[in-house]
Protein backbone atom coordinates (compact mmCIF):
# COMPACT_ATOMS: atom_id res chain seq x y z
CA MET A 1 -63.13 -262.22 -73.39
CA THR A 2 -61.26 -259.41 -71.69
CA THR A 3 -61.44 -261.21 -68.34
CA ARG A 4 -59.60 -264.12 -69.88
CA ARG A 5 -56.88 -261.80 -71.22
CA THR A 6 -56.58 -260.14 -67.82
CA SER A 7 -56.22 -263.53 -66.14
CA ARG A 8 -53.46 -264.49 -68.57
CA PHE A 9 -51.76 -261.14 -67.89
CA VAL A 10 -51.84 -261.69 -64.13
CA GLU A 11 -50.64 -265.30 -64.41
CA ALA A 12 -47.70 -264.30 -66.65
CA LEU A 13 -46.82 -261.49 -64.30
CA LEU A 14 -46.83 -263.74 -61.26
CA ARG A 15 -44.66 -266.32 -63.07
CA ASN A 16 -42.16 -263.57 -63.87
CA ARG A 17 -42.91 -263.83 -67.60
CA ARG A 18 -43.64 -261.11 -70.10
CA PRO A 19 -47.41 -260.75 -70.52
CA ARG A 20 -48.93 -260.60 -74.01
CA PRO A 21 -50.03 -257.08 -74.92
CA PHE A 22 -53.72 -256.32 -75.38
CA THR A 23 -56.02 -253.30 -75.15
CA PRO A 24 -57.75 -253.43 -71.75
CA ASP A 25 -60.90 -251.64 -70.67
CA ALA A 26 -61.15 -249.58 -67.46
CA GLU A 27 -62.10 -252.56 -65.30
CA ASP A 28 -59.19 -254.63 -66.62
CA LEU A 29 -56.78 -251.75 -65.93
CA ASP A 30 -57.69 -251.77 -62.24
CA ALA A 31 -57.09 -255.54 -62.01
CA MET A 32 -53.78 -255.23 -63.88
CA ARG A 33 -52.57 -252.42 -61.58
CA ALA A 34 -53.45 -254.50 -58.51
CA ALA A 35 -51.54 -257.50 -59.93
CA ILE A 36 -48.50 -255.34 -60.68
CA GLU A 37 -48.49 -253.91 -57.16
CA LEU A 38 -48.87 -257.39 -55.60
CA ARG A 39 -46.02 -258.70 -57.75
CA ALA A 40 -43.78 -255.82 -56.70
CA LEU A 41 -44.47 -256.56 -53.01
CA GLN A 42 -43.29 -260.19 -53.21
CA PRO A 43 -39.91 -260.91 -51.58
CA GLY A 44 -37.12 -260.80 -54.14
CA ALA A 45 -39.33 -259.20 -56.79
CA THR A 46 -36.58 -256.80 -57.79
CA LEU A 47 -33.94 -259.51 -58.13
CA PRO A 48 -33.33 -261.20 -61.50
CA SER A 49 -34.42 -264.81 -61.80
CA PRO A 50 -31.84 -267.61 -61.47
CA ASP A 51 -32.63 -268.71 -65.05
CA PHE A 52 -31.80 -265.23 -66.34
CA ILE A 53 -28.52 -265.17 -64.39
CA ALA A 54 -27.53 -268.62 -65.68
CA GLY A 55 -28.31 -267.68 -69.28
CA LEU A 56 -26.36 -264.45 -68.99
CA HIS A 57 -23.42 -266.35 -67.52
CA ARG A 58 -23.45 -268.82 -70.43
CA ARG A 59 -23.53 -266.03 -73.04
CA LEU A 60 -20.70 -264.09 -71.40
CA ALA A 61 -18.57 -267.23 -71.04
CA ALA A 62 -19.10 -268.07 -74.73
CA GLN A 63 -18.15 -264.54 -75.81
CA HIS A 64 -15.07 -264.62 -73.59
CA ALA A 65 -14.01 -268.00 -74.98
CA ASP A 66 -14.40 -266.73 -78.56
CA ALA A 67 -12.23 -263.70 -77.77
CA ILE A 68 -9.50 -265.90 -76.23
CA GLU A 69 -9.51 -268.42 -79.10
CA ALA A 70 -9.30 -265.79 -81.83
CA PRO A 71 -7.39 -262.77 -80.45
CA GLU A 72 -6.40 -261.60 -83.93
CA VAL A 73 -10.06 -261.07 -84.77
CA ALA A 74 -10.71 -259.10 -81.59
CA SER A 75 -7.80 -256.67 -82.09
CA ALA A 76 -7.47 -254.14 -84.89
CA PRO A 77 -4.77 -254.71 -87.51
CA ARG A 78 -1.61 -252.71 -86.93
CA PHE A 79 -0.97 -251.79 -90.55
CA THR A 80 -3.82 -250.24 -92.48
CA ARG A 81 -4.14 -248.08 -95.54
CA ARG A 82 -5.32 -245.19 -93.38
CA ARG A 83 -2.22 -245.40 -91.16
CA LEU A 84 0.02 -245.52 -94.24
CA ILE A 85 -1.58 -242.36 -95.65
CA GLU A 86 -1.34 -240.61 -92.27
CA GLY A 87 2.35 -241.52 -92.01
CA LEU A 88 3.08 -240.27 -95.52
CA ALA A 89 1.21 -237.02 -94.87
CA THR A 90 3.16 -236.48 -91.64
CA ALA A 91 6.49 -237.13 -93.40
CA ALA A 92 5.57 -234.72 -96.22
CA ALA A 93 4.59 -232.00 -93.73
CA ALA A 94 7.82 -232.46 -91.78
CA ALA A 95 9.92 -232.28 -94.97
CA THR A 96 8.09 -229.13 -96.10
CA ALA A 97 8.58 -227.50 -92.69
CA GLY A 98 12.28 -228.40 -92.77
CA ILE A 99 12.76 -226.88 -96.22
CA LEU A 100 10.92 -223.69 -95.27
CA LEU A 101 12.91 -223.30 -92.07
CA ASP A 102 16.16 -223.87 -93.94
CA GLN A 103 15.28 -221.20 -96.52
CA GLU A 104 14.08 -218.70 -93.91
CA LEU A 105 16.86 -219.07 -91.37
CA LEU A 106 19.92 -219.65 -93.53
CA THR A 107 21.21 -217.69 -96.49
CA SER A 108 22.16 -219.50 -99.63
CA THR A 109 25.80 -218.24 -99.61
CA GLY A 110 27.32 -219.15 -96.30
CA GLY A 111 24.67 -220.33 -93.95
CA ALA A 112 24.81 -217.14 -91.84
CA PRO A 113 21.54 -216.32 -90.09
CA ARG A 114 19.55 -213.38 -91.36
CA ALA A 115 16.84 -211.22 -89.80
CA LEU A 116 13.93 -209.86 -91.84
CA GLY A 117 15.69 -210.63 -95.10
CA ARG A 118 18.89 -208.71 -94.21
CA PRO A 119 22.09 -210.45 -93.12
CA ILE A 120 23.22 -209.85 -89.54
CA ILE A 121 26.53 -208.02 -89.53
CA PRO A 122 28.43 -208.10 -86.24
CA ASP A 123 29.96 -204.81 -85.08
CA THR A 124 32.41 -203.98 -82.34
CA GLY A 125 29.76 -202.45 -80.07
CA SER A 126 30.37 -201.15 -76.58
CA TRP A 127 29.21 -201.99 -73.08
CA ARG A 128 27.17 -199.38 -71.24
CA ALA A 129 26.05 -199.31 -67.61
CA VAL A 130 22.28 -199.54 -67.27
CA THR A 131 21.83 -199.90 -63.52
CA SER A 132 23.79 -200.82 -60.41
CA SER A 133 24.06 -204.38 -59.11
CA ALA A 134 22.21 -203.34 -55.93
CA GLU A 135 19.12 -202.45 -57.97
CA LEU A 136 19.28 -205.80 -59.77
CA ALA A 137 19.13 -207.65 -56.45
CA SER A 138 15.62 -206.28 -55.81
CA ALA A 139 14.39 -208.28 -58.86
CA LYS A 140 12.60 -205.31 -60.38
CA VAL A 141 12.41 -204.49 -64.05
CA VAL A 142 14.70 -201.60 -64.94
CA PRO A 143 13.71 -199.72 -68.07
CA PHE A 144 16.49 -198.23 -70.20
CA SER A 145 17.13 -196.91 -73.69
CA THR A 146 20.19 -196.46 -75.87
CA SER A 147 21.06 -193.89 -78.47
CA SER A 148 21.09 -196.37 -81.33
């Protein structure tokens, strides 16, 4: 019985078909290995069969034709509930950021900028020499301090 199964296995293998699975004994395994090695040595054994190529070509052509005939099915809709919610969330975040920046940077009385909660008051100030122009040409950092 197992010799018959082994013969079917070898015949299917040589015809480039998928053999039916079965549980072989040790003697059958040796015959199956020999058949596999002989099949692999045949010219063109690693190339796909012309029937397989033709079938693959038909399937790809049918899929391509379906995609061309119904492009609206192939592409995602532009307006979805998820995109609406994302847009609303982005608008709400931008509005909140705008309100916070307005409250932090501008005072409620005149729109003058303030720093750390205190209004900035301009004073007359004075110019003081820190370094000479020759030292600035060397592009080095010049540390300095003022009295105030």
